[in-house]
Amino acid sequence: MNTYMLLLHDSINLGEQQNGNEVSAEDMQAIIGDYVGWRSKVEANGRLVGGEKLGDEGGRHIRMTDGEIRVTDGPFAEVKEALGGYFAIKAADYDEAVEISKGCPHLKYGGWIELREVDETH
């Protein structure tokens, strides 16, 4: 089995709006329930390695420029897409990883998934 990362990209912040409308607390609980249900199913099938939602504040970008390390705040308000979280799964190959990913509710809520195989380094 290989490990694959599902990098969850958001075109909008699900906590603030969904299709241009504010998300109610009840709707947010339903969205969270969809993610928990999908995660539980993948885990029950022995395919979940891990996964977490990333913080909304955007983090920090760290780069080396002209030999100097520079730290800046993460994605700014004008960014139209942001990395919102990730899951790591086990699958035999990309085809199986794609099939597992198709059930992820992130697609249902306007996000998209970048699927990458992890190269084991040990």
PDB file of N, CA and C in Angstrom:
ATOM      1  N   MET A   1       0.839  -1.190   0.000  1.00  0.00           N
ATOM      2  CA  MET A   1       0.000   0.000   0.000  1.00  0.00           C
ATOM      3  C   MET A   1       0.877   1.245   0.000  1.00  0.00           C
ATOM      4  N   ASN A   2       0.457   2.226  -0.737  1.00  0.00           N
ATOM      5  CA  ASN A   2       1.133   3.526  -0.774  1.00  0.00           C
ATOM      6  C   ASN A   2       0.329   4.534   0.044  1.00  0.00           C
ATOM      7  N   THR A   3       0.995   5.589   0.469  1.00  0.00           N
ATOM      8  CA  THR A   3       0.326   6.670   1.187  1.00  0.00           C
ATOM      9  C   THR A   3       0.078   7.808   0.213  1.00  0.00           C
ATOM     10  N   TYR A   4      -1.113   8.387   0.293  1.00  0.00           N
ATOM     11  CA  TYR A   4      -1.503   9.513  -0.544  1.00  0.00           C
ATOM     12  C   TYR A   4      -2.021  10.635   0.336  1.00  0.00           C
ATOM     13  N   MET A   5      -1.663  11.863  -0.021  1.00  0.00           N
ATOM     14  CA  MET A   5      -2.168  13.048   0.668  1.00  0.00           C
ATOM     15  C   MET A   5      -3.316  13.636  -0.134  1.00  0.00           C
ATOM     16  N   LEU A   6      -4.408  13.895   0.523  1.00  0.00           N
ATOM     17  CA  LEU A   6      -5.511  14.651  -0.057  1.00  0.00           C
ATOM     18  C   LEU A   6      -5.377  16.059   0.514  1.00  0.00           C
ATOM     19  N   LEU A   7      -4.911  16.989  -0.287  1.00  0.00           N
ATOM     20  CA  LEU A   7      -4.749  18.379   0.147  1.00  0.00           C
ATOM     21  C   LEU A   7      -6.037  19.105  -0.203  1.00  0.00           C
ATOM     22  N   LEU A   8      -6.741  19.589   0.806  1.00  0.00           N
ATOM     23  CA  LEU A   8      -8.077  20.160   0.632  1.00  0.00           C
ATOM     24  C   LEU A   8      -7.989  21.662   0.401  1.00  0.00           C
ATOM     25  N   HIS A   9      -8.244  22.057  -0.823  1.00  0.00           N
ATOM     26  CA  HIS A   9      -8.204  23.467  -1.192  1.00  0.00           C
ATOM     27  C   HIS A   9      -9.613  24.045  -1.145  1.00  0.00           C
ATOM     28  N   ASP A  10      -9.727  25.250  -0.586  1.00  0.00           N
ATOM     29  CA  ASP A  10     -11.012  25.939  -0.481  1.00  0.00           C
ATOM     30  C   ASP A  10     -11.024  27.147  -1.404  1.00  0.00           C
ATOM     31  N   SER A  11     -12.119  27.325  -2.122  1.00  0.00           N
ATOM     32  CA  SER A  11     -12.282  28.551  -2.895  1.00  0.00           C
ATOM     33  C   SER A  11     -12.998  29.606  -2.068  1.00  0.00           C
ATOM     34  N   ILE A  12     -13.657  29.179  -0.984  1.00  0.00           N
ATOM     35  CA  ILE A  12     -14.289  30.094  -0.027  1.00  0.00           C
ATOM     36  C   ILE A  12     -14.071  29.520   1.365  1.00  0.00           C
ATOM     37  N   ASN A  13     -14.273  30.325   2.384  1.00  0.00           N
ATOM     38  CA  ASN A  13     -14.180  29.843   3.756  1.00  0.00           C
ATOM     39  C   ASN A  13     -15.538  29.270   4.141  1.00  0.00           C
ATOM     40  N   LEU A  14     -15.591  27.959   4.323  1.00  0.00           N
ATOM     41  CA  LEU A  14     -16.867  27.316   4.647  1.00  0.00           C
ATOM     42  C   LEU A  14     -17.477  27.842   5.935  1.00  0.00           C
ATOM     43  N   GLY A  15     -16.651  28.356   6.837  1.00  0.00           N
ATOM     44  CA  GLY A  15     -17.170  28.873   8.094  1.00  0.00           C
ATOM     45  C   GLY A  15     -17.895  30.194   7.931  1.00  0.00           C
ATOM     46  N   GLU A  16     -17.682  30.897   6.817  1.00  0.00           N
ATOM     47  CA  GLU A  16     -18.297  32.208   6.627  1.00  0.00           C
ATOM     48  C   GLU A  16     -19.451  32.185   5.641  1.00  0.00           C
ATOM     49  N   GLN A  17     -19.289  31.447   4.557  1.00  0.00           N
ATOM     50  CA  GLN A  17     -20.358  31.462   3.563  1.00  0.00           C
ATOM     51  C   GLN A  17     -20.350  30.195   2.745  1.00  0.00           C
ATOM     52  N   GLN A  18     -21.485  29.885   2.192  1.00  0.00           N
ATOM     53  CA  GLN A  18     -21.644  28.751   1.301  1.00  0.00           C
ATOM     54  C   GLN A  18     -22.501  29.230   0.142  1.00  0.00           C
ATOM     55  N   ASN A  19     -21.931  29.250  -1.053  1.00  0.00           N
ATOM     56  CA  ASN A  19     -22.630  29.740  -2.243  1.00  0.00           C
ATOM     57  C   ASN A  19     -23.143  31.168  -2.049  1.00  0.00           C
ATOM     58  N   GLY A  20     -22.348  32.010  -1.390  1.00  0.00           N
ATOM     59  CA  GLY A  20     -22.702  33.407  -1.211  1.00  0.00           C
ATOM     60  C   GLY A  20     -23.612  33.687  -0.030  1.00  0.00           C
ATOM     61  N   ASN A  21     -24.031  32.656   0.677  1.00  0.00           N
ATOM     62  CA  ASN A  21     -24.937  32.825   1.812  1.00  0.00           C
ATOM     63  C   ASN A  21     -24.213  32.480   3.111  1.00  0.00           C
ATOM     64  N   GLU A  22     -24.600  33.136   4.191  1.00  0.00           N
ATOM     65  CA  GLU A  22     -24.034  32.816   5.491  1.00  0.00           C
ATOM     66  C   GLU A  22     -24.413  31.383   5.860  1.00  0.00           C
ATOM     67  N   VAL A  23     -23.502  30.679   6.500  1.00  0.00           N
ATOM     68  CA  VAL A  23     -23.755  29.320   6.948  1.00  0.00           C
ATOM     69  C   VAL A  23     -24.240  29.380   8.387  1.00  0.00           C
ATOM     70  N   SER A  24     -25.403  28.806   8.638  1.00  0.00           N
ATOM     71  CA  SER A  24     -25.951  28.787   9.997  1.00  0.00           C
ATOM     72  C   SER A  24     -25.169  27.788  10.845  1.00  0.00           C
ATOM     73  N   ALA A  25     -25.327  27.891  12.148  1.00  0.00           N
ATOM     74  CA  ALA A  25     -24.668  26.957  13.061  1.00  0.00           C
ATOM     75  C   ALA A  25     -25.139  25.526  12.785  1.00  0.00           C
ATOM     76  N   GLU A  26     -26.419  25.373  12.478  1.00  0.00           N
ATOM     77  CA  GLU A  26     -26.959  24.042  12.178  1.00  0.00           C
ATOM     78  C   GLU A  26     -26.353  23.492  10.897  1.00  0.00           C
ATOM     79  N   ASP A  27     -26.230  24.332   9.869  1.00  0.00           N
ATOM     80  CA  ASP A  27     -25.622  23.891   8.612  1.00  0.00           C
ATOM     81  C   ASP A  27     -24.152  23.532   8.821  1.00  0.00           C
ATOM     82  N   MET A  28     -23.450  24.323   9.636  1.00  0.00           N
ATOM     83  CA  MET A  28     -22.047  24.036   9.907  1.00  0.00           C
ATOM     84  C   MET A  28     -21.906  22.689  10.609  1.00  0.00           C
ATOM     85  N   GLN A  29     -22.802  22.383  11.540  1.00  0.00           N
ATOM     86  CA  GLN A  29     -22.756  21.082  12.211  1.00  0.00           C
ATOM     87  C   GLN A  29     -22.998  19.950  11.216  1.00  0.00           C
ATOM     88  N   ALA A  30     -23.889  20.164  10.253  1.00  0.00           N
ATOM     89  CA  ALA A  30     -24.147  19.149   9.223  1.00  0.00           C
ATOM     90  C   ALA A  30     -22.912  18.945   8.344  1.00  0.00           C
ATOM     91  N   ILE A  31     -22.226  20.040   7.995  1.00  0.00           N
ATOM     92  CA  ILE A  31     -21.002  19.958   7.185  1.00  0.00           C
ATOM     93  C   ILE A  31     -19.936  19.174   7.950  1.00  0.00           C
ATOM     94  N   ILE A  32     -19.739  19.522   9.208  1.00  0.00           N
ATOM     95  CA  ILE A  32     -18.756  18.818  10.041  1.00  0.00           C
ATOM     96  C   ILE A  32     -19.129  17.339  10.141  1.00  0.00           C
ATOM     97  N   GLY A  33     -20.412  17.065  10.289  1.00  0.00           N
ATOM     98  CA  GLY A  33     -20.881  15.680  10.366  1.00  0.00           C
ATOM     99  C   GLY A  33     -20.554  14.890   9.106  1.00  0.00           C
ATOM    100  N   ASP A  34     -20.655  15.543   7.946  1.00  0.00           N
ATOM    101  CA  ASP A  34     -20.303  14.882   6.689  1.00  0.00           C
ATOM    102  C   ASP A  34     -18.828  14.490   6.675  1.00  0.00           C
ATOM    103  N   TYR A  35     -17.966  15.406   7.112  1.00  0.00           N
ATOM    104  CA  TYR A  35     -16.530  15.109   7.152  1.00  0.00           C
ATOM    105  C   TYR A  35     -16.229  13.993   8.156  1.00  0.00           C
ATOM    106  N   VAL A  36     -16.837  14.057   9.334  1.00  0.00           N
ATOM    107  CA  VAL A  36     -16.610  13.036  10.357  1.00  0.00           C
ATOM    108  C   VAL A  36     -17.090  11.674   9.853  1.00  0.00           C
ATOM    109  N   GLY A  37     -18.242  11.646   9.192  1.00  0.00           N
ATOM    110  CA  GLY A  37     -18.771  10.394   8.661  1.00  0.00           C
ATOM    111  C   GLY A  37     -17.864   9.785   7.603  1.00  0.00           C
ATOM    112  N   TRP A  38     -17.374  10.634   6.678  1.00  0.00           N
ATOM    113  CA  TRP A  38     -16.471  10.138   5.628  1.00  0.00           C
ATOM    114  C   TRP A  38     -15.169   9.635   6.244  1.00  0.00           C
ATOM    115  N   ARG A  39     -14.621  10.418   7.163  1.00  0.00           N
ATOM    116  CA  ARG A  39     -13.363  10.031   7.830  1.00  0.00           C
ATOM    117  C   ARG A  39     -13.545   8.696   8.561  1.00  0.00           C
ATOM    118  N   SER A  40     -14.653   8.534   9.255  1.00  0.00           N
ATOM    119  CA  SER A  40     -14.923   7.297   9.996  1.00  0.00           C
ATOM    120  C   SER A  40     -15.020   6.099   9.060  1.00  0.00           C
ATOM    121  N   LYS A  41     -15.640   6.292   7.907  1.00  0.00           N
ATOM    122  CA  LYS A  41     -15.766   5.214   6.917  1.00  0.00           C
ATOM    123  C   LYS A  41     -14.391   4.807   6.386  1.00  0.00           C
ATOM    124  N   VAL A  42     -13.555   5.795   6.032  1.00  0.00           N
ATOM    125  CA  VAL A  42     -12.215   5.506   5.522  1.00  0.00           C
ATOM    126  C   VAL A  42     -11.392   4.809   6.611  1.00  0.00           C
ATOM    127  N   GLU A  43     -11.532   5.271   7.855  1.00  0.00           N
ATOM    128  CA  GLU A  43     -10.814   4.663   8.971  1.00  0.00           C
ATOM    129  C   GLU A  43     -11.275   3.224   9.200  1.00  0.00           C
ATOM    130  N   ALA A  44     -12.579   2.979   9.132  1.00  0.00           N
ATOM    131  CA  ALA A  44     -13.126   1.633   9.331  1.00  0.00           C
ATOM    132  C   ALA A  44     -12.626   0.669   8.254  1.00  0.00           C
ATOM    133  N   ASN A  45     -12.337   1.195   7.070  1.00  0.00           N
ATOM    134  CA  ASN A  45     -11.812   0.377   5.980  1.00  0.00           C
ATOM    135  C   ASN A  45     -10.295   0.200   6.066  1.00  0.00           C
ATOM    136  N   GLY A  46      -9.691   0.709   7.125  1.00  0.00           N
ATOM    137  CA  GLY A  46      -8.261   0.560   7.323  1.00  0.00           C
ATOM    138  C   GLY A  46      -7.403   1.394   6.391  1.00  0.00           C
ATOM    139  N   ARG A  47      -7.965   2.472   5.837  1.00  0.00           N
ATOM    140  CA  ARG A  47      -7.238   3.275   4.858  1.00  0.00           C
ATOM    141  C   ARG A  47      -6.789   4.630   5.376  1.00  0.00           C
ATOM    142  N   LEU A  48      -7.273   5.059   6.538  1.00  0.00           N
ATOM    143  CA  LEU A  48      -6.927   6.377   7.055  1.00  0.00           C
ATOM    144  C   LEU A  48      -5.577   6.348   7.751  1.00  0.00           C
ATOM    145  N   VAL A  49      -4.696   7.265   7.364  1.00  0.00           N
ATOM    146  CA  VAL A  49      -3.418   7.447   8.046  1.00  0.00           C
ATOM    147  C   VAL A  49      -3.549   8.614   9.021  1.00  0.00           C
ATOM    148  N   GLY A  50      -4.260   9.675   8.618  1.00  0.00           N
ATOM    149  CA  GLY A  50      -4.464  10.834   9.477  1.00  0.00           C
ATOM    150  C   GLY A  50      -5.100  11.967   8.703  1.00  0.00           C
ATOM    151  N   GLY A  51      -5.265  13.091   9.367  1.00  0.00           N
ATOM    152  CA  GLY A  51      -5.825  14.261   8.721  1.00  0.00           C
ATOM    153  C   GLY A  51      -6.304  15.278   9.728  1.00  0.00           C
ATOM    154  N   GLU A  52      -6.229  16.529   9.329  1.00  0.00           N
ATOM    155  CA  GLU A  52      -6.651  17.623  10.202  1.00  0.00           C
ATOM    156  C   GLU A  52      -7.118  18.809   9.374  1.00  0.00           C
ATOM    157  N   LYS A  53      -7.954  19.643   9.975  1.00  0.00           N
ATOM    158  CA  LYS A  53      -8.306  20.947   9.408  1.00  0.00           C
ATOM    159  C   LYS A  53      -7.191  21.911   9.789  1.00  0.00           C
ATOM    160  N   LEU A  54      -6.807  22.757   8.881  1.00  0.00           N
ATOM    161  CA  LEU A  54      -5.795  23.757   9.190  1.00  0.00           C
ATOM    162  C   LEU A  54      -6.459  25.002   9.755  1.00  0.00           C
ATOM    163  N   GLY A  55      -5.727  25.751  10.560  1.00  0.00           N
ATOM    164  CA  GLY A  55      -6.246  26.983  11.155  1.00  0.00           C
ATOM    165  C   GLY A  55      -6.627  27.997  10.082  1.00  0.00           C
ATOM    166  N   ASP A  56      -7.597  28.832  10.385  1.00  0.00           N
ATOM    167  CA  ASP A  56      -8.111  29.807   9.424  1.00  0.00           C
ATOM    168  C   ASP A  56      -7.220  31.030   9.242  1.00  0.00           C
ATOM    169  N   GLU A  57      -6.273  31.273  10.162  1.00  0.00           N
ATOM    170  CA  GLU A  57      -5.512  32.525  10.110  1.00  0.00           C
ATOM    171  C   GLU A  57      -4.497  32.580   8.980  1.00  0.00           C
ATOM    172  N   GLY A  58      -4.168  31.467   8.337  1.00  0.00           N
ATOM    173  CA  GLY A  58      -3.288  31.501   7.168  1.00  0.00           C
ATOM    174  C   GLY A  58      -1.846  31.152   7.423  1.00  0.00           C
ATOM    175  N   GLY A  59      -1.413  31.099   8.659  1.00  0.00           N
ATOM    176  CA  GLY A  59      -0.062  30.655   8.959  1.00  0.00           C
ATOM    177  C   GLY A  59       1.020  31.636   8.538  1.00  0.00           C
ATOM    178  N   ARG A  60       2.198  31.126   8.245  1.00  0.00           N
ATOM    179  CA  ARG A  60       3.348  31.941   7.846  1.00  0.00           C
ATOM    180  C   ARG A  60       4.003  31.328   6.617  1.00  0.00           C
ATOM    181  N   HIS A  61       4.566  32.165   5.786  1.00  0.00           N
ATOM    182  CA  HIS A  61       5.376  31.721   4.645  1.00  0.00           C
ATOM    183  C   HIS A  61       6.831  31.998   5.002  1.00  0.00           C
ATOM    184  N   ILE A  62       7.676  31.000   4.807  1.00  0.00           N
ATOM    185  CA  ILE A  62       9.091  31.133   5.127  1.00  0.00           C
ATOM    186  C   ILE A  62       9.879  30.870   3.853  1.00  0.00           C
ATOM    187  N   ARG A  63      10.671  31.847   3.446  1.00  0.00           N
ATOM    188  CA  ARG A  63      11.443  31.748   2.219  1.00  0.00           C
ATOM    189  C   ARG A  63      12.856  32.255   2.445  1.00  0.00           C
ATOM    190  N   MET A  64      13.783  31.738   1.639  1.00  0.00           N
ATOM    191  CA  MET A  64      15.146  32.254   1.625  1.00  0.00           C
ATOM    192  C   MET A  64      15.257  33.143   0.391  1.00  0.00           C
ATOM    193  N   THR A  65      15.601  34.411   0.607  1.00  0.00           N
ATOM    194  CA  THR A  65      15.778  35.374  -0.476  1.00  0.00           C
ATOM    195  C   THR A  65      17.139  36.036  -0.312  1.00  0.00           C
ATOM    196  N   ASP A  66      17.967  35.907  -1.337  1.00  0.00           N
ATOM    197  CA  ASP A  66      19.316  36.490  -1.287  1.00  0.00           C
ATOM    198  C   ASP A  66      20.069  36.099  -0.019  1.00  0.00           C
ATOM    199  N   GLY A  67      19.959  34.824   0.370  1.00  0.00           N
ATOM    200  CA  GLY A  67      20.676  34.325   1.532  1.00  0.00           C
ATOM    201  C   GLY A  67      20.071  34.701   2.868  1.00  0.00           C
ATOM    202  N   GLU A  68      18.933  35.383   2.852  1.00  0.00           N
ATOM    203  CA  GLU A  68      18.282  35.819   4.085  1.00  0.00           C
ATOM    204  C   GLU A  68      16.920  35.142   4.207  1.00  0.00           C
ATOM    205  N   ILE A  69      16.645  34.621   5.406  1.00  0.00           N
ATOM    206  CA  ILE A  69      15.342  33.998   5.635  1.00  0.00           C
ATOM    207  C   ILE A  69      14.324  35.078   5.929  1.00  0.00           C
ATOM    208  N   ARG A  70      13.210  35.014   5.197  1.00  0.00           N
ATOM    209  CA  ARG A  70      12.125  35.986   5.370  1.00  0.00           C
ATOM    210  C   ARG A  70      10.861  35.247   5.788  1.00  0.00           C
ATOM    211  N   VAL A  71      10.178  35.817   6.753  1.00  0.00           N
ATOM    212  CA  VAL A  71       8.932  35.244   7.242  1.00  0.00           C
ATOM    213  C   VAL A  71       7.837  36.272   7.021  1.00  0.00           C
ATOM    214  N   THR A  72       6.778  35.860   6.332  1.00  0.00           N
ATOM    215  CA  THR A  72       5.633  36.742   6.107  1.00  0.00           C
ATOM    216  C   THR A  72       4.364  36.019   6.521  1.00  0.00           C
ATOM    217  N   ASP A  73       3.328  36.788   6.764  1.00  0.00           N
ATOM    218  CA  ASP A  73       2.036  36.185   7.073  1.00  0.00           C
ATOM    219  C   ASP A  73       1.561  35.372   5.886  1.00  0.00           C
ATOM    220  N   GLY A  74       0.742  34.346   6.180  1.00  0.00           N
ATOM    221  CA  GLY A  74       0.236  33.447   5.159  1.00  0.00           C
ATOM    222  C   GLY A  74      -0.730  34.113   4.206  1.00  0.00           C
ATOM    223  N   PRO A  75      -1.558  33.310   3.535  1.00  0.00           N
ATOM    224  CA  PRO A  75      -2.443  33.851   2.498  1.00  0.00           C
ATOM    225  C   PRO A  75      -3.190  35.096   2.968  1.00  0.00           C
ATOM    226  N   PHE A  76      -3.267  36.058   2.082  1.00  0.00           N
ATOM    227  CA  PHE A  76      -3.935  37.324   2.384  1.00  0.00           C
ATOM    228  C   PHE A  76      -5.385  37.276   1.943  1.00  0.00           C
ATOM    229  N   ALA A  77      -6.162  38.264   2.346  1.00  0.00           N
ATOM    230  CA  ALA A  77      -7.599  38.307   2.065  1.00  0.00           C
ATOM    231  C   ALA A  77      -7.907  38.217   0.576  1.00  0.00           C
ATOM    232  N   GLU A  78      -7.015  38.727  -0.267  1.00  0.00           N
ATOM    233  CA  GLU A  78      -7.300  38.702  -1.699  1.00  0.00           C
ATOM    234  C   GLU A  78      -7.080  37.333  -2.335  1.00  0.00           C
ATOM    235  N   VAL A  79      -6.532  36.394  -1.567  1.00  0.00           N
ATOM    236  CA  VAL A  79      -6.330  35.049  -2.085  1.00  0.00           C
ATOM    237  C   VAL A  79      -7.694  34.413  -2.324  1.00  0.00           C
ATOM    238  N   LYS A  80      -7.864  33.838  -3.503  1.00  0.00           N
ATOM    239  CA  LYS A  80      -9.149  33.233  -3.846  1.00  0.00           C
ATOM    240  C   LYS A  80      -9.205  31.760  -3.430  1.00  0.00           C
ATOM    241  N   GLU A  81      -8.045  31.153  -3.199  1.00  0.00           N
ATOM    242  CA  GLU A  81      -7.996  29.765  -2.768  1.00  0.00           C
ATOM    243  C   GLU A  81      -7.020  29.637  -1.609  1.00  0.00           C
ATOM    244  N   ALA A  82      -7.309  28.705  -0.726  1.00  0.00           N
ATOM    245  CA  ALA A  82      -6.426  28.460   0.407  1.00  0.00           C
ATOM    246  C   ALA A  82      -6.445  26.970   0.724  1.00  0.00           C
ATOM    247  N   LEU A  83      -5.355  26.482   1.271  1.00  0.00           N
ATOM    248  CA  LEU A  83      -5.288  25.107   1.719  1.00  0.00           C
ATOM    249  C   LEU A  83      -5.986  25.038   3.070  1.00  0.00           C
ATOM    250  N   GLY A  84      -7.055  24.249   3.151  1.00  0.00           N
ATOM    251  CA  GLY A  84      -7.868  24.233   4.356  1.00  0.00           C
ATOM    252  C   GLY A  84      -7.631  23.051   5.274  1.00  0.00           C
ATOM    253  N   GLY A  85      -6.987  22.002   4.756  1.00  0.00           N
ATOM    254  CA  GLY A  85      -6.749  20.824   5.575  1.00  0.00           C
ATOM    255  C   GLY A  85      -6.207  19.704   4.719  1.00  0.00           C
ATOM    256  N   TYR A  86      -6.086  18.542   5.335  1.00  0.00           N
ATOM    257  CA  TYR A  86      -5.547  17.403   4.603  1.00  0.00           C
ATOM    258  C   TYR A  86      -6.025  16.101   5.227  1.00  0.00           C
ATOM    259  N   PHE A  87      -5.991  15.057   4.433  1.00  0.00           N
ATOM    260  CA  PHE A  87      -6.127  13.687   4.896  1.00  0.00           C
ATOM    261  C   PHE A  87      -4.983  12.911   4.288  1.00  0.00           C
ATOM    262  N   ALA A  88      -4.499  11.914   4.982  1.00  0.00           N
ATOM    263  CA  ALA A  88      -3.528  10.973   4.439  1.00  0.00           C
ATOM    264  C   ALA A  88      -4.204   9.609   4.456  1.00  0.00           C
ATOM    265  N   ILE A  89      -4.137   8.920   3.317  1.00  0.00           N
ATOM    266  CA  ILE A  89      -4.795   7.624   3.190  1.00  0.00           C
ATOM    267  C   ILE A  89      -3.817   6.598   2.632  1.00  0.00           C
ATOM    268  N   LYS A  90      -4.162   5.342   2.772  1.00  0.00           N
ATOM    269  CA  LYS A  90      -3.435   4.234   2.159  1.00  0.00           C
ATOM    270  C   LYS A  90      -4.268   3.726   0.993  1.00  0.00           C
ATOM    271  N   ALA A  91      -3.616   3.482  -0.142  1.00  0.00           N
ATOM    272  CA  ALA A  91      -4.291   2.935  -1.311  1.00  0.00           C
ATOM    273  C   ALA A  91      -3.276   2.158  -2.136  1.00  0.00           C
ATOM    274  N   ALA A  92      -3.755   1.231  -2.931  1.00  0.00           N
ATOM    275  CA  ALA A  92      -2.875   0.407  -3.757  1.00  0.00           C
ATOM    276  C   ALA A  92      -2.205   1.231  -4.853  1.00  0.00           C
ATOM    277  N   ASP A  93      -2.942   2.212  -5.397  1.00  0.00           N
ATOM    278  CA  ASP A  93      -2.418   3.026  -6.495  1.00  0.00           C
ATOM    279  C   ASP A  93      -3.259   4.290  -6.619  1.00  0.00           C
ATOM    280  N   TYR A  94      -2.898   5.146  -7.590  1.00  0.00           N
ATOM    281  CA  TYR A  94      -3.637   6.400  -7.769  1.00  0.00           C
ATOM    282  C   TYR A  94      -5.115   6.146  -8.057  1.00  0.00           C
ATOM    283  N   ASP A  95      -5.413   5.127  -8.851  1.00  0.00           N
ATOM    284  CA  ASP A  95      -6.814   4.866  -9.185  1.00  0.00           C
ATOM    285  C   ASP A  95      -7.644   4.612  -7.931  1.00  0.00           C
ATOM    286  N   GLU A  96      -7.123   3.788  -7.027  1.00  0.00           N
ATOM    287  CA  GLU A  96      -7.852   3.517  -5.794  1.00  0.00           C
ATOM    288  C   GLU A  96      -7.922   4.769  -4.919  1.00  0.00           C
ATOM    289  N   ALA A  97      -6.837   5.541  -4.871  1.00  0.00           N
ATOM    290  CA  ALA A  97      -6.833   6.782  -4.086  1.00  0.00           C
ATOM    291  C   ALA A  97      -7.868   7.766  -4.626  1.00  0.00           C
ATOM    292  N   VAL A  98      -7.998   7.841  -5.938  1.00  0.00           N
ATOM    293  CA  VAL A  98      -9.015   8.711  -6.548  1.00  0.00           C
ATOM    294  C   VAL A  98     -10.408   8.246  -6.137  1.00  0.00           C
ATOM    295  N   GLU A  99     -10.648   6.954  -6.179  1.00  0.00           N
ATOM    296  CA  GLU A  99     -11.973   6.430  -5.808  1.00  0.00           C
ATOM    297  C   GLU A  99     -12.298   6.759  -4.354  1.00  0.00           C
ATOM    298  N   ILE A 100     -11.334   6.612  -3.462  1.00  0.00           N
ATOM    299  CA  ILE A 100     -11.554   6.962  -2.056  1.00  0.00           C
ATOM    300  C   ILE A 100     -11.835   8.462  -1.937  1.00  0.00           C
ATOM    301  N   SER A 101     -11.073   9.264  -2.675  1.00  0.00           N
ATOM    302  CA  SER A 101     -11.201  10.727  -2.616  1.00  0.00           C
ATOM    303  C   SER A 101     -12.553  11.213  -3.120  1.00  0.00           C
ATOM    304  N   LYS A 102     -13.126  10.513  -4.077  1.00  0.00           N
ATOM    305  CA  LYS A 102     -14.416  10.923  -4.647  1.00  0.00           C
ATOM    306  C   LYS A 102     -15.512  11.028  -3.601  1.00  0.00           C
ATOM    307  N   GLY A 103     -15.402  10.261  -2.521  1.00  0.00           N
ATOM    308  CA  GLY A 103     -16.410  10.312  -1.467  1.00  0.00           C
ATOM    309  C   GLY A 103     -16.199  11.421  -0.461  1.00  0.00           C
ATOM    310  N   CYS A 104     -15.070  12.106  -0.533  1.00  0.00           N
ATOM    311  CA  CYS A 104     -14.780  13.164   0.437  1.00  0.00           C
ATOM    312  C   CYS A 104     -15.767  14.315   0.279  1.00  0.00           C
ATOM    313  N   PRO A 105     -16.423  14.730   1.359  1.00  0.00           N
ATOM    314  CA  PRO A 105     -17.420  15.798   1.261  1.00  0.00           C
ATOM    315  C   PRO A 105     -16.845  17.147   0.866  1.00  0.00           C
ATOM    316  N   HIS A 106     -15.536  17.278   0.871  1.00  0.00           N
ATOM    317  CA  HIS A 106     -14.931  18.559   0.484  1.00  0.00           C
ATOM    318  C   HIS A 106     -15.361  18.957  -0.927  1.00  0.00           C
ATOM    319  N   LEU A 107     -15.517  17.980  -1.791  1.00  0.00           N
ATOM    320  CA  LEU A 107     -15.942  18.254  -3.169  1.00  0.00           C
ATOM    321  C   LEU A 107     -17.383  18.776  -3.198  1.00  0.00           C
ATOM    322  N   LYS A 108     -18.201  18.262  -2.326  1.00  0.00           N
ATOM    323  CA  LYS A 108     -19.614  18.648  -2.232  1.00  0.00           C
ATOM    324  C   LYS A 108     -19.779  20.110  -1.816  1.00  0.00           C
ATOM    325  N   TYR A 109     -18.815  20.634  -1.056  1.00  0.00           N
ATOM    326  CA  TYR A 109     -18.931  21.984  -0.512  1.00  0.00           C
ATOM    327  C   TYR A 109     -18.087  23.020  -1.245  1.00  0.00           C
ATOM    328  N   GLY A 110     -17.782  22.759  -2.512  1.00  0.00           N
ATOM    329  CA  GLY A 110     -17.144  23.769  -3.343  1.00  0.00           C
ATOM    330  C   GLY A 110     -15.632  23.786  -3.330  1.00  0.00           C
ATOM    331  N   GLY A 111     -15.014  22.878  -2.595  1.00  0.00           N
ATOM    332  CA  GLY A 111     -13.565  22.812  -2.581  1.00  0.00           C
ATOM    333  C   GLY A 111     -13.058  21.853  -3.640  1.00  0.00           C
ATOM    334  N   TRP A 112     -11.750  21.755  -3.749  1.00  0.00           N
ATOM    335  CA  TRP A 112     -11.155  20.777  -4.653  1.00  0.00           C
ATOM    336  C   TRP A 112     -10.005  20.098  -3.936  1.00  0.00           C
ATOM    337  N   ILE A 113      -9.644  18.922  -4.429  1.00  0.00           N
ATOM    338  CA  ILE A 113      -8.639  18.093  -3.771  1.00  0.00           C
ATOM    339  C   ILE A 113      -7.433  17.924  -4.680  1.00  0.00           C
ATOM    340  N   GLU A 114      -6.265  18.220  -4.128  1.00  0.00           N
ATOM    341  CA  GLU A 114      -5.003  17.909  -4.791  1.00  0.00           C
ATOM    342  C   GLU A 114      -4.545  16.577  -4.206  1.00  0.00           C
ATOM    343  N   LEU A 115      -4.408  15.557  -5.044  1.00  0.00           N
ATOM    344  CA  LEU A 115      -4.031  14.224  -4.596  1.00  0.00           C
ATOM    345  C   LEU A 115      -2.571  13.979  -4.950  1.00  0.00           C
ATOM    346  N   ARG A 116      -1.763  13.678  -3.944  1.00  0.00           N
ATOM    347  CA  ARG A 116      -0.324  13.475  -4.158  1.00  0.00           C
ATOM    348  C   ARG A 116       0.127  12.204  -3.457  1.00  0.00           C
ATOM    349  N   GLU A 117       0.941  11.417  -4.151  1.00  0.00           N
ATOM    350  CA  GLU A 117       1.545  10.248  -3.523  1.00  0.00           C
ATOM    351  C   GLU A 117       2.708  10.707  -2.652  1.00  0.00           C
ATOM    352  N   VAL A 118       2.847  10.084  -1.495  1.00  0.00           N
ATOM    353  CA  VAL A 118       3.944  10.391  -0.578  1.00  0.00           C
ATOM    354  C   VAL A 118       5.095   9.452  -0.897  1.00  0.00           C
ATOM    355  N   ASP A 119       6.273  10.003  -1.151  1.00  0.00           N
ATOM    356  CA  ASP A 119       7.479   9.192  -1.326  1.00  0.00           C
ATOM    357  C   ASP A 119       8.041   8.882   0.044  1.00  0.00           C
ATOM    358  N   GLU A 120       8.080   7.612   0.381  1.00  0.00           N
ATOM    359  CA  GLU A 120       8.640   7.196   1.667  1.00  0.00           C
ATOM    360  C   GLU A 120      10.139   7.470   1.645  1.00  0.00           C
ATOM    361  N   THR A 121      10.663   8.102   2.684  1.00  0.00           N
ATOM    362  CA  THR A 121      12.060   8.501   2.703  1.00  0.00           C
ATOM    363  C   THR A 121      12.922   7.681   3.661  1.00  0.00           C
ATOM    364  N   HIS A 122      12.428   6.596   4.137  1.00  0.00           N
ATOM    365  CA  HIS A 122      13.246   5.795   5.057  1.00  0.00           C
ATOM    366  C   HIS A 122      13.745   4.537   4.420  1.00  0.00           C
TER     367      HIS A 122
END
